[in-house]
Amino acid sequence: MKTSDFLEKWRRGEISEPEDPEIHGDFMIWKGLAGRNSVFVGSI
C-alpha cells in the first residue's frame, strides 16, 4: 500500500487506531515522515 493511500484510509477511519502503543508510535512516525517528504519534494 502506498503511503498516501494508508494515510488517507487512516484519516477516514478505515484503518483503526492500533491499541499497541508501539505500533501507534510507528503510525505517527510514518505520518510525520510522509509529511516531511511531501514538503521536501514540493521544494525541489
N, C-alpha and C. Protein backbone atom coordinates (compact mmCIF):
# COMPACT_ATOMS: atom_id res chain seq x y z
N MET A 1 0.85 -1.17 0.00
CA MET A 1 0.00 0.00 0.00
C MET A 1 0.90 1.23 0.00
N LYS A 2 0.57 2.17 -0.84
CA LYS A 2 1.31 3.43 -0.88
C LYS A 2 1.03 4.23 0.39
N THR A 3 2.02 5.02 0.79
CA THR A 3 1.88 5.83 1.99
C THR A 3 0.67 6.75 1.90
N SER A 4 0.46 7.37 0.76
CA SER A 4 -0.68 8.29 0.61
C SER A 4 -2.00 7.55 0.80
N ASP A 5 -2.09 6.33 0.30
CA ASP A 5 -3.31 5.53 0.47
C ASP A 5 -3.51 5.17 1.94
N PHE A 6 -2.43 4.78 2.61
CA PHE A 6 -2.51 4.44 4.03
C PHE A 6 -3.00 5.63 4.84
N LEU A 7 -2.37 6.79 4.63
CA LEU A 7 -2.74 7.97 5.41
C LEU A 7 -4.18 8.39 5.16
N GLU A 8 -4.61 8.31 3.92
CA GLU A 8 -6.00 8.67 3.59
C GLU A 8 -6.98 7.73 4.30
N LYS A 9 -6.70 6.43 4.26
CA LYS A 9 -7.60 5.46 4.91
C LYS A 9 -7.56 5.63 6.43
N TRP A 10 -6.40 5.93 6.99
CA TRP A 10 -6.28 6.11 8.43
C TRP A 10 -7.06 7.34 8.87
N ARG A 11 -6.95 8.43 8.12
CA ARG A 11 -7.67 9.66 8.47
C ARG A 11 -9.18 9.48 8.39
N ARG A 12 -9.64 8.66 7.44
CA ARG A 12 -11.08 8.42 7.29
C ARG A 12 -11.61 7.37 8.26
N GLY A 13 -10.72 6.74 9.02
CA GLY A 13 -11.13 5.73 9.98
C GLY A 13 -11.28 4.34 9.40
N GLU A 14 -10.84 4.15 8.15
CA GLU A 14 -10.90 2.82 7.55
C GLU A 14 -9.84 1.90 8.14
N ILE A 15 -8.79 2.49 8.68
CA ILE A 15 -7.77 1.76 9.42
C ILE A 15 -7.88 2.28 10.85
N SER A 16 -8.20 1.39 11.76
CA SER A 16 -8.42 1.83 13.14
C SER A 16 -7.10 2.15 13.85
N GLU A 17 -7.23 2.96 14.90
CA GLU A 17 -6.08 3.28 15.73
C GLU A 17 -5.58 1.99 16.38
N PRO A 18 -4.30 1.71 16.30
CA PRO A 18 -3.79 0.49 16.94
C PRO A 18 -3.83 0.62 18.46
N GLU A 19 -4.12 -0.49 19.12
CA GLU A 19 -4.17 -0.49 20.59
C GLU A 19 -2.76 -0.57 21.18
N ASP A 20 -1.85 -1.19 20.46
CA ASP A 20 -0.47 -1.34 20.92
C ASP A 20 0.24 0.01 20.80
N PRO A 21 0.74 0.56 21.92
CA PRO A 21 1.38 1.88 21.89
C PRO A 21 2.59 1.94 20.95
N GLU A 22 3.32 0.84 20.83
CA GLU A 22 4.49 0.83 19.95
C GLU A 22 4.08 0.94 18.48
N ILE A 23 3.04 0.21 18.11
CA ILE A 23 2.55 0.29 16.73
C ILE A 23 1.95 1.66 16.46
N HIS A 24 1.23 2.22 17.44
CA HIS A 24 0.67 3.56 17.27
C HIS A 24 1.79 4.57 17.04
N GLY A 25 2.88 4.42 17.79
CA GLY A 25 4.05 5.28 17.60
C GLY A 25 4.62 5.15 16.20
N ASP A 26 4.66 3.92 15.69
CA ASP A 26 5.14 3.70 14.32
C ASP A 26 4.24 4.42 13.31
N PHE A 27 2.92 4.36 13.53
CA PHE A 27 1.98 5.06 12.65
C PHE A 27 2.27 6.56 12.66
N MET A 28 2.49 7.11 13.84
CA MET A 28 2.72 8.55 13.96
C MET A 28 4.04 8.95 13.29
N ILE A 29 5.06 8.12 13.46
CA ILE A 29 6.34 8.39 12.80
C ILE A 29 6.17 8.34 11.29
N TRP A 30 5.44 7.33 10.79
CA TRP A 30 5.21 7.20 9.36
C TRP A 30 4.48 8.44 8.83
N LYS A 31 3.49 8.89 9.57
CA LYS A 31 2.74 10.08 9.17
C LYS A 31 3.66 11.30 9.13
N GLY A 32 4.50 11.45 10.14
CA GLY A 32 5.42 12.59 10.18
C GLY A 32 6.43 12.55 9.06
N LEU A 33 7.00 11.39 8.78
CA LEU A 33 7.97 11.27 7.70
C LEU A 33 7.32 11.53 6.34
N ALA A 34 6.09 11.07 6.18
CA ALA A 34 5.39 11.31 4.92
C ALA A 34 5.15 12.81 4.73
N GLY A 35 4.82 13.51 5.81
CA GLY A 35 4.62 14.95 5.73
C GLY A 35 5.90 15.68 5.38
N ARG A 36 7.00 15.27 6.00
CA ARG A 36 8.29 15.88 5.70
C ARG A 36 8.69 15.63 4.25
N ASN A 37 8.44 14.41 3.78
CA ASN A 37 8.79 14.07 2.41
C ASN A 37 8.01 14.93 1.42
N SER A 38 6.73 15.14 1.68
CA SER A 38 5.93 15.94 0.74
C SER A 38 6.40 17.40 0.74
N VAL A 39 6.85 17.91 1.88
CA VAL A 39 7.39 19.28 1.93
C VAL A 39 8.69 19.33 1.15
N PHE A 40 9.55 18.33 1.34
CA PHE A 40 10.83 18.30 0.66
C PHE A 40 10.63 18.21 -0.86
N VAL A 41 9.78 17.30 -1.29
CA VAL A 41 9.53 17.12 -2.72
C VAL A 41 8.93 18.39 -3.31
N GLY A 42 8.06 19.04 -2.55
CA GLY A 42 7.45 20.28 -3.04
C GLY A 42 8.44 21.42 -3.18
N SER A 43 9.54 21.35 -2.47
CA SER A 43 10.54 22.43 -2.55
C SER A 43 11.57 22.22 -3.65
N ILE A 44 11.55 21.05 -4.27
CA ILE A 44 12.52 20.76 -5.34
C ILE A 44 12.09 21.41 -6.63
